[in-house]
Amino acid sequence: MELEALKASWNKLDERLAATEIVNLRVVKEVIQQKTKSAYDGIMGQNIYNFVVNMLIICVVFPYVYMNTPIQATSFAIVEGVMVIGLIPLVWKLSLLSKFDLGGKSSRELSRLVLTYKKICHQEKAWMIGAVCLALIAFYILELGFNTKAGYEYSTRLLLPLGLSLLTFGLGLVFAKWQLRRHAQQLGEIERGLEELREFEK
């Protein structure tokens, strides 16, 4: 009788330990999902911010500058065109990020999305650096060389606009470098999270 009671108590203990282990695994999985989701939210927010800023510059800031300064229509069209084309990879990235569903997709599917996203980021970086540099060169050649209405003089009067342009460009590069570093960190957290979640799917 005592042996049967002992066996029963052992069985109950085993059941409790098994239930506790399941709960612990569930808690660990939820923590990993929350960390991954937090990193994803950061990247999504960063891309939405970039999209809104670009739209403001394209639709408000640069048209205002064009209407209130003697900038040539060709120069305006070149800069606007480069900025509009620059939105294409940004919209593509936002489209990919909108499909990132931790609850509805497997970690393998999500990893493929992340891989595609990283490829777009790599291509975007190389293309945008080249496009922005060429657009700036074309803009200044057209404005300084062919814009007679502006009355540009190759003297100290040029130092202010050129200096402000270089300062803005430099500050933009510093901010972009910080943003890229943060972006890479968050992307790494997502990849590690998906790798850990894959263990729960085995």
N, C-alpha and C. Protein backbone atom coordinates (compact mmCIF):
# COMPACT_ATOMS: atom_id res chain seq x y z
N MET A 1 0.82 -1.20 0.00
CA MET A 1 0.00 0.00 0.00
C MET A 1 0.86 1.25 0.00
N GLU A 2 1.89 1.20 0.86
CA GLU A 2 2.79 2.34 0.95
C GLU A 2 3.55 2.52 -0.38
N LEU A 3 3.86 1.38 -1.04
CA LEU A 3 4.57 1.43 -2.32
C LEU A 3 3.70 2.08 -3.40
N GLU A 4 2.42 1.74 -3.41
CA GLU A 4 1.51 2.33 -4.38
C GLU A 4 1.35 3.83 -4.15
N ALA A 5 1.27 4.23 -2.88
CA ALA A 5 1.15 5.66 -2.55
C ALA A 5 2.40 6.41 -2.97
N LEU A 6 3.55 5.75 -2.76
CA LEU A 6 4.82 6.37 -3.16
C LEU A 6 4.89 6.54 -4.68
N LYS A 7 4.44 5.51 -5.42
CA LYS A 7 4.43 5.59 -6.88
C LYS A 7 3.49 6.71 -7.36
N ALA A 8 2.33 6.80 -6.69
CA ALA A 8 1.36 7.84 -7.07
C ALA A 8 1.93 9.23 -6.85
N SER A 9 2.63 9.39 -5.72
CA SER A 9 3.22 10.71 -5.43
C SER A 9 4.32 11.05 -6.42
N TRP A 10 5.10 10.03 -6.82
CA TRP A 10 6.14 10.24 -7.81
C TRP A 10 5.55 10.64 -9.16
N ASN A 11 4.45 9.98 -9.53
CA ASN A 11 3.79 10.31 -10.80
C ASN A 11 3.27 11.73 -10.80
N LYS A 12 2.68 12.13 -9.66
CA LYS A 12 2.19 13.50 -9.55
C LYS A 12 3.34 14.50 -9.66
N LEU A 13 4.45 14.16 -9.03
CA LEU A 13 5.63 15.04 -9.07
C LEU A 13 6.15 15.16 -10.50
N ASP A 14 6.18 14.02 -11.22
CA ASP A 14 6.61 14.04 -12.61
C ASP A 14 5.71 14.92 -13.46
N GLU A 15 4.40 14.81 -13.23
CA GLU A 15 3.44 15.63 -13.98
C GLU A 15 3.65 17.12 -13.71
N ARG A 16 3.89 17.44 -12.42
CA ARG A 16 4.12 18.84 -12.08
C ARG A 16 5.40 19.36 -12.73
N LEU A 17 6.46 18.53 -12.71
CA LEU A 17 7.72 18.94 -13.32
C LEU A 17 7.56 19.14 -14.83
N ALA A 18 6.81 18.22 -15.46
CA ALA A 18 6.58 18.35 -16.91
C ALA A 18 5.79 19.61 -17.21
N ALA A 19 4.76 19.89 -16.40
CA ALA A 19 3.95 21.09 -16.61
C ALA A 19 4.79 22.35 -16.40
N THR A 20 5.66 22.32 -15.37
CA THR A 20 6.54 23.46 -15.10
C THR A 20 7.50 23.70 -16.24
N GLU A 21 8.04 22.59 -16.82
CA GLU A 21 8.97 22.71 -17.94
C GLU A 21 8.28 23.32 -19.16
N ILE A 22 7.03 22.90 -19.42
CA ILE A 22 6.27 23.44 -20.54
C ILE A 22 6.04 24.93 -20.35
N VAL A 23 5.66 25.32 -19.12
CA VAL A 23 5.43 26.73 -18.81
C VAL A 23 6.71 27.55 -18.99
N ASN A 24 7.83 26.99 -18.50
CA ASN A 24 9.11 27.69 -18.63
C ASN A 24 9.50 27.88 -20.09
N LEU A 25 9.31 26.83 -20.90
CA LEU A 25 9.61 26.93 -22.33
C LEU A 25 8.73 27.98 -23.00
N ARG A 26 7.45 28.02 -22.62
CA ARG A 26 6.53 28.99 -23.18
C ARG A 26 6.96 30.41 -22.83
N VAL A 27 7.40 30.59 -21.57
CA VAL A 27 7.84 31.91 -21.12
C VAL A 27 9.09 32.35 -21.90
N VAL A 28 10.04 31.40 -22.07
CA VAL A 28 11.26 31.70 -22.81
C VAL A 28 10.93 32.09 -24.26
N LYS A 29 10.02 31.34 -24.87
CA LYS A 29 9.62 31.63 -26.25
C LYS A 29 8.97 33.01 -26.36
N GLU A 30 8.13 33.34 -25.39
CA GLU A 30 7.47 34.65 -25.41
C GLU A 30 8.47 35.78 -25.25
N VAL A 31 9.48 35.58 -24.40
CA VAL A 31 10.52 36.59 -24.20
C VAL A 31 11.30 36.82 -25.50
N ILE A 32 11.65 35.71 -26.18
CA ILE A 32 12.38 35.81 -27.45
C ILE A 32 11.53 36.53 -28.49
N GLN A 33 10.24 36.18 -28.55
CA GLN A 33 9.33 36.83 -29.49
C GLN A 33 9.20 38.32 -29.22
N GLN A 34 9.13 38.68 -27.93
CA GLN A 34 9.01 40.10 -27.58
C GLN A 34 10.26 40.89 -27.98
N LYS A 35 11.44 40.29 -27.74
CA LYS A 35 12.69 40.96 -28.13
C LYS A 35 12.78 41.11 -29.65
N THR A 36 12.38 40.05 -30.36
CA THR A 36 12.40 40.10 -31.82
C THR A 36 11.41 41.13 -32.34
N LYS A 37 10.21 41.15 -31.75
CA LYS A 37 9.18 42.10 -32.15
C LYS A 37 9.62 43.54 -31.88
N SER A 38 10.30 43.75 -30.75
CA SER A 38 10.78 45.08 -30.40
C SER A 38 11.81 45.57 -31.43
N ALA A 39 12.73 44.68 -31.84
CA ALA A 39 13.72 45.05 -32.86
C ALA A 39 13.03 45.32 -34.20
N TYR A 40 12.04 44.50 -34.52
CA TYR A 40 11.28 44.70 -35.77
C TYR A 40 10.56 46.06 -35.75
N ASP A 41 9.92 46.38 -34.62
CA ASP A 41 9.22 47.67 -34.50
C ASP A 41 10.17 48.84 -34.70
N GLY A 42 11.39 48.69 -34.19
CA GLY A 42 12.39 49.75 -34.37
C GLY A 42 12.75 49.96 -35.83
N ILE A 43 12.95 48.86 -36.56
CA ILE A 43 13.29 48.95 -37.99
C ILE A 43 12.10 49.50 -38.79
N MET A 44 10.90 49.03 -38.47
CA MET A 44 9.71 49.50 -39.16
C MET A 44 9.52 51.02 -38.93
N GLY A 45 9.68 51.44 -37.68
CA GLY A 45 9.56 52.86 -37.35
C GLY A 45 10.59 53.71 -38.07
N GLN A 46 11.81 53.19 -38.17
CA GLN A 46 12.88 53.91 -38.85
C GLN A 46 12.56 54.09 -40.33
N ASN A 47 12.04 53.04 -40.96
CA ASN A 47 11.70 53.12 -42.39
C ASN A 47 10.51 54.05 -42.64
N ILE A 48 9.53 54.02 -41.74
CA ILE A 48 8.38 54.93 -41.87
C ILE A 48 8.85 56.37 -41.71
N TYR A 49 9.73 56.61 -40.75
CA TYR A 49 10.28 57.96 -40.54
C TYR A 49 11.01 58.44 -41.79
N ASN A 50 11.85 57.57 -42.37
CA ASN A 50 12.58 57.94 -43.58
C ASN A 50 11.63 58.26 -44.73
N PHE A 51 10.56 57.47 -44.83
CA PHE A 51 9.59 57.70 -45.90
C PHE A 51 8.89 59.06 -45.72
N VAL A 52 8.46 59.35 -44.49
CA VAL A 52 7.76 60.62 -44.22
C VAL A 52 8.68 61.81 -44.48
N VAL A 53 9.93 61.73 -44.02
CA VAL A 53 10.89 62.82 -44.23
C VAL A 53 11.14 63.05 -45.71
N ASN A 54 11.33 61.95 -46.46
CA ASN A 54 11.56 62.07 -47.90
C ASN A 54 10.36 62.69 -48.61
N MET A 55 9.16 62.29 -48.22
CA MET A 55 7.95 62.84 -48.83
C MET A 55 7.83 64.34 -48.54
N LEU A 56 8.16 64.74 -47.31
CA LEU A 56 8.11 66.16 -46.95
C LEU A 56 9.10 66.98 -47.79
N ILE A 57 10.31 66.42 -47.97
CA ILE A 57 11.33 67.13 -48.77
C ILE A 57 10.88 67.22 -50.23
N ILE A 58 10.36 66.09 -50.76
CA ILE A 58 9.95 66.06 -52.17
C ILE A 58 8.75 66.96 -52.44
N CYS A 59 7.76 66.90 -51.54
CA CYS A 59 6.48 67.59 -51.80
C CYS A 59 6.41 69.01 -51.23
N VAL A 60 7.23 69.32 -50.22
CA VAL A 60 7.09 70.63 -49.56
C VAL A 60 8.39 71.44 -49.60
N VAL A 61 9.45 70.88 -49.03
CA VAL A 61 10.67 71.67 -48.82
C VAL A 61 11.32 72.11 -50.14
N PHE A 62 11.66 71.14 -51.00
CA PHE A 62 12.38 71.51 -52.22
C PHE A 62 11.50 72.30 -53.21
N PRO A 63 10.21 71.96 -53.37
CA PRO A 63 9.36 72.83 -54.22
C PRO A 63 9.29 74.26 -53.70
N TYR A 64 9.26 74.43 -52.37
CA TYR A 64 9.25 75.78 -51.78
C TYR A 64 10.55 76.52 -52.14
N VAL A 65 11.68 75.81 -52.02
CA VAL A 65 12.96 76.42 -52.37
C VAL A 65 12.98 76.80 -53.85
N TYR A 66 12.46 75.92 -54.70
CA TYR A 66 12.42 76.18 -56.15
C TYR A 66 11.57 77.40 -56.49
N MET A 67 10.42 77.54 -55.83
CA MET A 67 9.51 78.65 -56.13
C MET A 67 10.02 79.99 -55.60
N ASN A 68 10.91 79.96 -54.63
CA ASN A 68 11.37 81.20 -54.01
C ASN A 68 12.83 81.53 -54.30
N THR A 69 13.44 80.78 -55.19
CA THR A 69 14.82 81.05 -55.59
C THR A 69 14.92 80.89 -57.11
N PRO A 70 15.95 81.44 -57.72
CA PRO A 70 16.09 81.33 -59.19
C PRO A 70 16.68 80.01 -59.66
N ILE A 71 16.35 78.90 -59.00
CA ILE A 71 16.85 77.59 -59.44
C ILE A 71 16.20 77.23 -60.78
N GLN A 72 16.99 76.66 -61.68
CA GLN A 72 16.47 76.27 -62.99
C GLN A 72 15.55 75.06 -62.86
N ALA A 73 14.61 74.97 -63.80
CA ALA A 73 13.66 73.84 -63.80
C ALA A 73 14.38 72.51 -64.00
N THR A 74 15.45 72.52 -64.81
CA THR A 74 16.21 71.29 -65.06
C THR A 74 16.88 70.80 -63.77
N SER A 75 17.48 71.73 -63.02
CA SER A 75 18.13 71.37 -61.76
C SER A 75 17.11 70.82 -60.77
N PHE A 76 15.96 71.49 -60.72
CA PHE A 76 14.88 71.04 -59.84
C PHE A 76 14.42 69.64 -60.22
N ALA A 77 14.23 69.40 -61.52
CA ALA A 77 13.75 68.10 -61.99
C ALA A 77 14.75 66.99 -61.68
N ILE A 78 16.04 67.27 -61.80
CA ILE A 78 17.07 66.25 -61.53
C ILE A 78 17.03 65.83 -60.06
N VAL A 79 17.02 66.82 -59.17
CA VAL A 79 17.01 66.51 -57.74
C VAL A 79 15.72 65.80 -57.33
N GLU A 80 14.59 66.31 -57.82
CA GLU A 80 13.30 65.68 -57.51
C GLU A 80 13.24 64.25 -58.04
N GLY A 81 13.75 64.07 -59.26
CA GLY A 81 13.74 62.73 -59.88
C GLY A 81 14.54 61.72 -59.07
N VAL A 82 15.73 62.14 -58.61
CA VAL A 82 16.57 61.25 -57.81
C VAL A 82 15.87 60.89 -56.50
N MET A 83 15.24 61.88 -55.87
CA MET A 83 14.56 61.62 -54.59
C MET A 83 13.35 60.70 -54.78
N VAL A 84 12.61 60.88 -55.87
CA VAL A 84 11.44 60.02 -56.14
C VAL A 84 11.89 58.58 -56.41
N ILE A 85 12.94 58.42 -57.22
CA ILE A 85 13.46 57.08 -57.50
C ILE A 85 13.99 56.44 -56.21
N GLY A 86 14.55 57.26 -55.32
CA GLY A 86 15.06 56.76 -54.05
C GLY A 86 13.96 56.20 -53.15
N LEU A 87 12.72 56.57 -53.43
CA LEU A 87 11.60 56.04 -52.65
C LEU A 87 11.26 54.59 -53.01
N ILE A 88 11.67 54.15 -54.21
CA ILE A 88 11.29 52.80 -54.68
C ILE A 88 11.79 51.71 -53.73
N PRO A 89 13.11 51.66 -53.42
CA PRO A 89 13.56 50.63 -52.47
C PRO A 89 12.97 50.80 -51.08
N LEU A 90 12.68 52.03 -50.69
CA LEU A 90 12.08 52.29 -49.38
C LEU A 90 10.68 51.70 -49.30
N VAL A 91 9.89 51.90 -50.37
CA VAL A 91 8.54 51.33 -50.42
C VAL A 91 8.61 49.81 -50.46
N TRP A 92 9.60 49.28 -51.19
CA TRP A 92 9.79 47.83 -51.28
C TRP A 92 10.11 47.25 -49.89
N LYS A 93 10.98 47.94 -49.14
CA LYS A 93 11.32 47.48 -47.80
C LYS A 93 10.11 47.51 -46.87
N LEU A 94 9.32 48.57 -46.96
CA LEU A 94 8.11 48.66 -46.14
C LEU A 94 7.12 47.55 -46.48
N SER A 95 7.05 47.21 -47.77
CA SER A 95 6.18 46.12 -48.19
C SER A 95 6.62 44.79 -47.59
N LEU A 96 7.93 44.55 -47.59
CA LEU A 96 8.46 43.32 -46.99
C LEU A 96 8.22 43.28 -45.48
N LEU A 97 8.47 44.40 -44.83
CA LEU A 97 8.29 44.47 -43.38
C LEU A 97 6.84 44.26 -42.97
N SER A 98 5.91 44.68 -43.82
CA SER A 98 4.49 44.50 -43.51
C SER A 98 4.09 43.02 -43.50
N LYS A 99 4.90 42.17 -44.14
CA LYS A 99 4.62 40.73 -44.18
C LYS A 99 5.25 39.98 -43.02
N PHE A 100 5.98 40.69 -42.18
CA PHE A 100 6.69 40.06 -41.06
C PHE A 100 5.68 39.78 -39.93
N ASP A 101 5.25 38.53 -39.85
CA ASP A 101 4.22 38.14 -38.88
C ASP A 101 4.77 37.01 -38.01
N LEU A 102 5.18 37.33 -36.80
CA LEU A 102 5.76 36.32 -35.90
C LEU A 102 4.77 35.22 -35.55
N GLY A 103 3.50 35.58 -35.44
CA GLY A 103 2.50 34.59 -35.05
C GLY A 103 1.98 33.75 -36.19
N GLY A 104 2.04 34.27 -37.41
CA GLY A 104 1.43 33.58 -38.54
C GLY A 104 2.40 32.90 -39.49
N LYS A 105 3.71 33.19 -39.39
CA LYS A 105 4.70 32.59 -40.29
C LYS A 105 5.75 31.83 -39.49
N SER A 106 6.33 30.82 -40.14
CA SER A 106 7.41 30.07 -39.49
C SER A 106 8.68 30.90 -39.48
N SER A 107 9.62 30.51 -38.63
CA SER A 107 10.87 31.26 -38.53
C SER A 107 11.67 31.17 -39.83
N ARG A 108 11.53 30.07 -40.57
CA ARG A 108 12.23 29.92 -41.85
C ARG A 108 11.69 30.92 -42.89
N GLU A 109 10.37 31.05 -42.93
CA GLU A 109 9.76 32.02 -43.84
C GLU A 109 10.20 33.44 -43.50
N LEU A 110 10.21 33.75 -42.20
CA LEU A 110 10.62 35.07 -41.76
C LEU A 110 12.09 35.33 -42.04
N SER A 111 12.91 34.29 -41.93
CA SER A 111 14.34 34.43 -42.22
C SER A 111 14.55 34.75 -43.70
N ARG A 112 13.74 34.14 -44.58
CA ARG A 112 13.84 34.45 -46.00
C ARG A 112 13.45 35.91 -46.28
N LEU A 113 12.43 36.40 -45.57
CA LEU A 113 12.05 37.81 -45.70
C LEU A 113 13.19 38.73 -45.27
N VAL A 114 13.83 38.38 -44.16
CA VAL A 114 14.94 39.18 -43.65
C VAL A 114 16.11 39.18 -44.63
N LEU A 115 16.38 38.02 -45.25
CA LEU A 115 17.47 37.92 -46.22
C LEU A 115 17.19 38.82 -47.43
N THR A 116 15.96 38.79 -47.93
CA THR A 116 15.58 39.66 -49.06
C THR A 116 15.69 41.13 -48.66
N TYR A 117 15.27 41.44 -47.45
CA TYR A 117 15.35 42.82 -46.94
C TYR A 117 16.81 43.28 -46.89
N LYS A 118 17.71 42.41 -46.44
CA LYS A 118 19.13 42.77 -46.35
C LYS A 118 19.73 43.02 -47.74
N LYS A 119 19.31 42.23 -48.72
CA LYS A 119 19.80 42.41 -50.09
C LYS A 119 19.37 43.78 -50.64
N ILE A 120 18.11 44.14 -50.38
CA ILE A 120 17.61 45.45 -50.84
C ILE A 120 18.39 46.58 -50.17
N CYS A 121 18.64 46.44 -48.86
CA CYS A 121 19.41 47.46 -48.13
C CYS A 121 20.80 47.64 -48.72
N HIS A 122 21.45 46.52 -49.05
CA HIS A 122 22.81 46.57 -49.61
C HIS A 122 22.80 47.27 -50.97
N GLN A 123 21.85 46.90 -51.82
CA GLN A 123 21.76 47.53 -53.15
C GLN A 123 21.38 49.00 -53.04
N GLU A 124 20.47 49.30 -52.12
CA GLU A 124 20.01 50.69 -51.94
C GLU A 124 21.17 51.59 -51.52
N LYS A 125 21.98 51.10 -50.60
CA LYS A 125 23.09 51.91 -50.09
C LYS A 125 24.06 52.30 -51.21
N ALA A 126 24.47 51.31 -52.02
CA ALA A 126 25.41 51.58 -53.10
C ALA A 126 24.80 52.50 -54.14
N TRP A 127 23.54 52.24 -54.51
CA TRP A 127 22.89 53.03 -55.55
C TRP A 127 22.68 54.47 -55.09
N MET A 128 22.22 54.66 -53.86
CA MET A 128 21.88 56.00 -53.37
C MET A 128 23.12 56.88 -53.24
N ILE A 129 24.22 56.31 -52.79
CA ILE A 129 25.46 57.11 -52.67
C ILE A 129 25.87 57.65 -54.03
N GLY A 130 25.86 56.76 -55.05
CA GLY A 130 26.22 57.17 -56.40
C GLY A 130 25.24 58.18 -56.98
N ALA A 131 23.94 57.92 -56.79
CA ALA A 131 22.91 58.80 -57.35
C ALA A 131 22.94 60.18 -56.72
N VAL A 132 23.10 60.24 -55.39
CA VAL A 132 23.13 61.53 -54.70
C VAL A 132 24.35 62.35 -55.13
N CYS A 133 25.51 61.70 -55.23
CA CYS A 133 26.73 62.41 -55.65
C CYS A 133 26.58 62.95 -57.08
N LEU A 134 26.06 62.12 -57.99
CA LEU A 134 25.88 62.57 -59.37
C LEU A 134 24.85 63.70 -59.47
N ALA A 135 23.77 63.59 -58.67
CA ALA A 135 22.73 64.63 -58.68
C ALA A 135 23.29 65.96 -58.18
N LEU A 136 24.10 65.91 -57.12
CA LEU A 136 24.70 67.14 -56.59
C LEU A 136 25.66 67.77 -57.60
N ILE A 137 26.47 66.92 -58.24
CA ILE A 137 27.42 67.43 -59.24
C ILE A 137 26.67 68.08 -60.40
N ALA A 138 25.63 67.39 -60.91
CA ALA A 138 24.84 67.93 -62.01
C ALA A 138 24.14 69.22 -61.61
N PHE A 139 23.61 69.25 -60.39
CA PHE A 139 22.92 70.44 -59.90
C PHE A 139 23.84 71.64 -59.88
N TYR A 140 25.03 71.49 -59.32
CA TYR A 140 25.94 72.63 -59.21
C TYR A 140 26.54 73.03 -60.55
N ILE A 141 26.75 72.06 -61.45
CA ILE A 141 27.24 72.42 -62.79
C ILE A 141 26.19 73.27 -63.51
N LEU A 142 24.93 72.82 -63.45
CA LEU A 142 23.85 73.56 -64.11
C LEU A 142 23.64 74.93 -63.50
N GLU A 143 23.68 74.99 -62.17
CA GLU A 143 23.39 76.26 -61.50
C GLU A 143 24.54 77.25 -61.61
N LEU A 144 25.76 76.77 -61.37
CA LEU A 144 26.90 77.68 -61.37
C LEU A 144 27.40 77.99 -62.78
N GLY A 145 27.17 77.05 -63.69
CA GLY A 145 27.69 77.25 -65.04
C GLY A 145 26.70 77.82 -66.04
N PHE A 146 25.41 77.53 -65.85
CA PHE A 146 24.44 77.90 -66.89
C PHE A 146 23.27 78.75 -66.40
N ASN A 147 23.14 78.96 -65.11
CA ASN A 147 22.02 79.75 -64.60
C ASN A 147 22.40 81.24 -64.58
N THR A 148 22.04 81.95 -65.63
CA THR A 148 22.37 83.38 -65.71
C THR A 148 21.44 84.25 -64.88
N LYS A 149 20.23 83.75 -64.60
CA LYS A 149 19.26 84.53 -63.82
C LYS A 149 19.70 84.69 -62.36
N ALA A 150 20.39 83.70 -61.86
CA ALA A 150 20.77 83.74 -60.44
C ALA A 150 21.86 84.76 -60.17
N GLY A 151 22.65 85.08 -61.19
CA GLY A 151 23.72 86.05 -61.01
C GLY A 151 24.82 85.55 -60.08
N TYR A 152 25.17 84.25 -60.20
CA TYR A 152 26.24 83.71 -59.37
C TYR A 152 27.57 84.35 -59.74
N GLU A 153 28.35 84.60 -58.75
CA GLU A 153 29.70 85.12 -58.99
C GLU A 153 30.68 84.19 -58.30
N TYR A 154 31.77 83.90 -59.00
CA TYR A 154 32.78 83.02 -58.43
C TYR A 154 33.65 83.81 -57.46
N SER A 155 33.06 84.09 -56.33
CA SER A 155 33.76 84.87 -55.32
C SER A 155 33.33 84.36 -53.95
N THR A 156 33.55 85.18 -52.92
CA THR A 156 33.19 84.77 -51.56
C THR A 156 31.69 84.59 -51.39
N ARG A 157 30.88 85.16 -52.33
CA ARG A 157 29.42 85.00 -52.23
C ARG A 157 29.02 83.54 -52.40
N LEU A 158 29.88 82.75 -53.06
CA LEU A 158 29.57 81.34 -53.26
C LEU A 158 29.90 80.48 -52.04
N LEU A 159 30.73 81.03 -51.18
CA LEU A 159 31.17 80.22 -50.04
C LEU A 159 30.02 79.86 -49.11
N LEU A 160 29.08 80.78 -48.92
CA LEU A 160 27.98 80.51 -48.00
C LEU A 160 27.07 79.38 -48.49
N PRO A 161 26.52 79.47 -49.74
CA PRO A 161 25.67 78.36 -50.17
C PRO A 161 26.41 77.03 -50.30
N LEU A 162 27.65 77.08 -50.81
CA LEU A 162 28.43 75.85 -50.92
C LEU A 162 28.76 75.28 -49.54
N GLY A 163 29.14 76.18 -48.63
CA GLY A 163 29.47 75.74 -47.27
C GLY A 163 28.27 75.13 -46.57
N LEU A 164 27.11 75.78 -46.71
CA LEU A 164 25.89 75.24 -46.09
C LEU A 164 25.51 73.89 -46.71
N SER A 165 25.69 73.76 -48.03
CA SER A 165 25.39 72.49 -48.69
C SER A 165 26.30 71.38 -48.18
N LEU A 166 27.59 71.67 -48.09
CA LEU A 166 28.55 70.67 -47.59
C LEU A 166 28.28 70.33 -46.13
N LEU A 167 27.91 71.35 -45.33
CA LEU A 167 27.60 71.10 -43.93
C LEU A 167 26.37 70.21 -43.79
N THR A 168 25.33 70.52 -44.58
CA THR A 168 24.11 69.70 -44.56
C THR A 168 24.41 68.28 -44.98
N PHE A 169 25.20 68.14 -46.05
CA PHE A 169 25.56 66.82 -46.55
C PHE A 169 26.36 66.05 -45.50
N GLY A 170 27.30 66.75 -44.85
CA GLY A 170 28.11 66.10 -43.82
C GLY A 170 27.29 65.65 -42.62
N LEU A 171 26.39 66.52 -42.16
CA LEU A 171 25.51 66.16 -41.04
C LEU A 171 24.60 65.00 -41.42
N GLY A 172 24.14 65.01 -42.70
CA GLY A 172 23.31 63.91 -43.18
C GLY A 172 24.07 62.59 -43.16
N LEU A 173 25.35 62.62 -43.54
CA LEU A 173 26.17 61.41 -43.53
C LEU A 173 26.39 60.89 -42.11
N VAL A 174 26.64 61.82 -41.17
CA VAL A 174 26.83 61.42 -39.77
C VAL A 174 25.57 60.75 -39.22
N PHE A 175 24.42 61.40 -39.47
CA PHE A 175 23.14 60.85 -39.01
C PHE A 175 22.86 59.50 -39.66
N ALA A 176 23.16 59.40 -40.98
CA ALA A 176 22.93 58.14 -41.71
C ALA A 176 23.81 57.02 -41.15
N LYS A 177 25.07 57.36 -40.80
CA LYS A 177 25.98 56.35 -40.25
C LYS A 177 25.46 55.85 -38.91
N TRP A 178 24.99 56.76 -38.05
CA TRP A 178 24.43 56.35 -36.76
C TRP A 178 23.18 55.51 -36.97
N GLN A 179 22.36 55.91 -37.92
CA GLN A 179 21.11 55.19 -38.19
C GLN A 179 21.40 53.79 -38.73
N LEU A 180 22.41 53.69 -39.61
CA LEU A 180 22.77 52.39 -40.18
C LEU A 180 23.32 51.45 -39.11
N ARG A 181 24.09 52.01 -38.18
CA ARG A 181 24.64 51.18 -37.09
C ARG A 181 23.51 50.63 -36.21
N ARG A 182 22.56 51.49 -35.88
CA ARG A 182 21.41 51.07 -35.08
C ARG A 182 20.55 50.06 -35.84
N HIS A 183 20.40 50.31 -37.13
CA HIS A 183 19.63 49.42 -37.99
C HIS A 183 20.26 48.03 -38.04
N ALA A 184 21.59 47.99 -38.20
CA ALA A 184 22.30 46.70 -38.25
C ALA A 184 22.18 45.95 -36.93
N GLN A 185 22.23 46.68 -35.82
CA GLN A 185 22.08 46.06 -34.50
C GLN A 185 20.69 45.43 -34.34
N GLN A 186 19.66 46.16 -34.75
CA GLN A 186 18.29 45.65 -34.64
C GLN A 186 18.06 44.48 -35.59
N LEU A 187 18.65 44.54 -36.78
CA LEU A 187 18.52 43.44 -37.72
C LEU A 187 19.20 42.18 -37.19
N GLY A 188 20.35 42.37 -36.53
CA GLY A 188 21.04 41.24 -35.90
C GLY A 188 20.20 40.61 -34.79
N GLU A 189 19.51 41.45 -34.02
CA GLU A 189 18.64 40.93 -32.96
C GLU A 189 17.49 40.11 -33.54
N ILE A 190 16.94 40.57 -34.66
CA ILE A 190 15.86 39.81 -35.31
C ILE A 190 16.39 38.46 -35.80
N GLU A 191 17.55 38.45 -36.41
CA GLU A 191 18.12 37.19 -36.93
C GLU A 191 18.42 36.22 -35.79
N ARG A 192 18.97 36.71 -34.69
CA ARG A 192 19.24 35.83 -33.55
C ARG A 192 17.93 35.31 -32.96
N GLY A 193 16.93 36.19 -32.87
CA GLY A 193 15.63 35.77 -32.34
C GLY A 193 15.00 34.68 -33.18
N LEU A 194 15.06 34.83 -34.50
CA LEU A 194 14.48 33.82 -35.40
C LEU A 194 15.24 32.50 -35.31
N GLU A 195 16.56 32.60 -35.14
CA GLU A 195 17.36 31.38 -34.99
C GLU A 195 16.99 30.64 -33.70
N GLU A 196 16.77 31.39 -32.63
CA GLU A 196 16.37 30.77 -31.36
C GLU A 196 14.95 30.20 -31.45
N LEU A 197 14.05 30.91 -32.13
CA LEU A 197 12.67 30.43 -32.27
C LEU A 197 12.60 29.16 -33.12
N ARG A 198 13.57 28.99 -34.02
CA ARG A 198 13.59 27.80 -34.85
C ARG A 198 13.77 26.54 -34.01
N GLU A 199 14.44 26.67 -32.88
CA GLU A 199 14.62 25.53 -31.98
C GLU A 199 13.29 25.05 -31.41
N PHE A 200 12.34 25.96 -31.23
CA PHE A 200 11.04 25.57 -30.68
C PHE A 200 10.15 24.89 -31.73
N GLU A 201 10.53 25.00 -33.00
CA GLU A 201 9.71 24.41 -34.07
C GLU A 201 10.16 23.00 -34.41
N LYS A 202 11.27 22.55 -33.82
CA LYS A 202 11.76 21.20 -34.11
C LYS A 202 10.91 20.15 -33.38
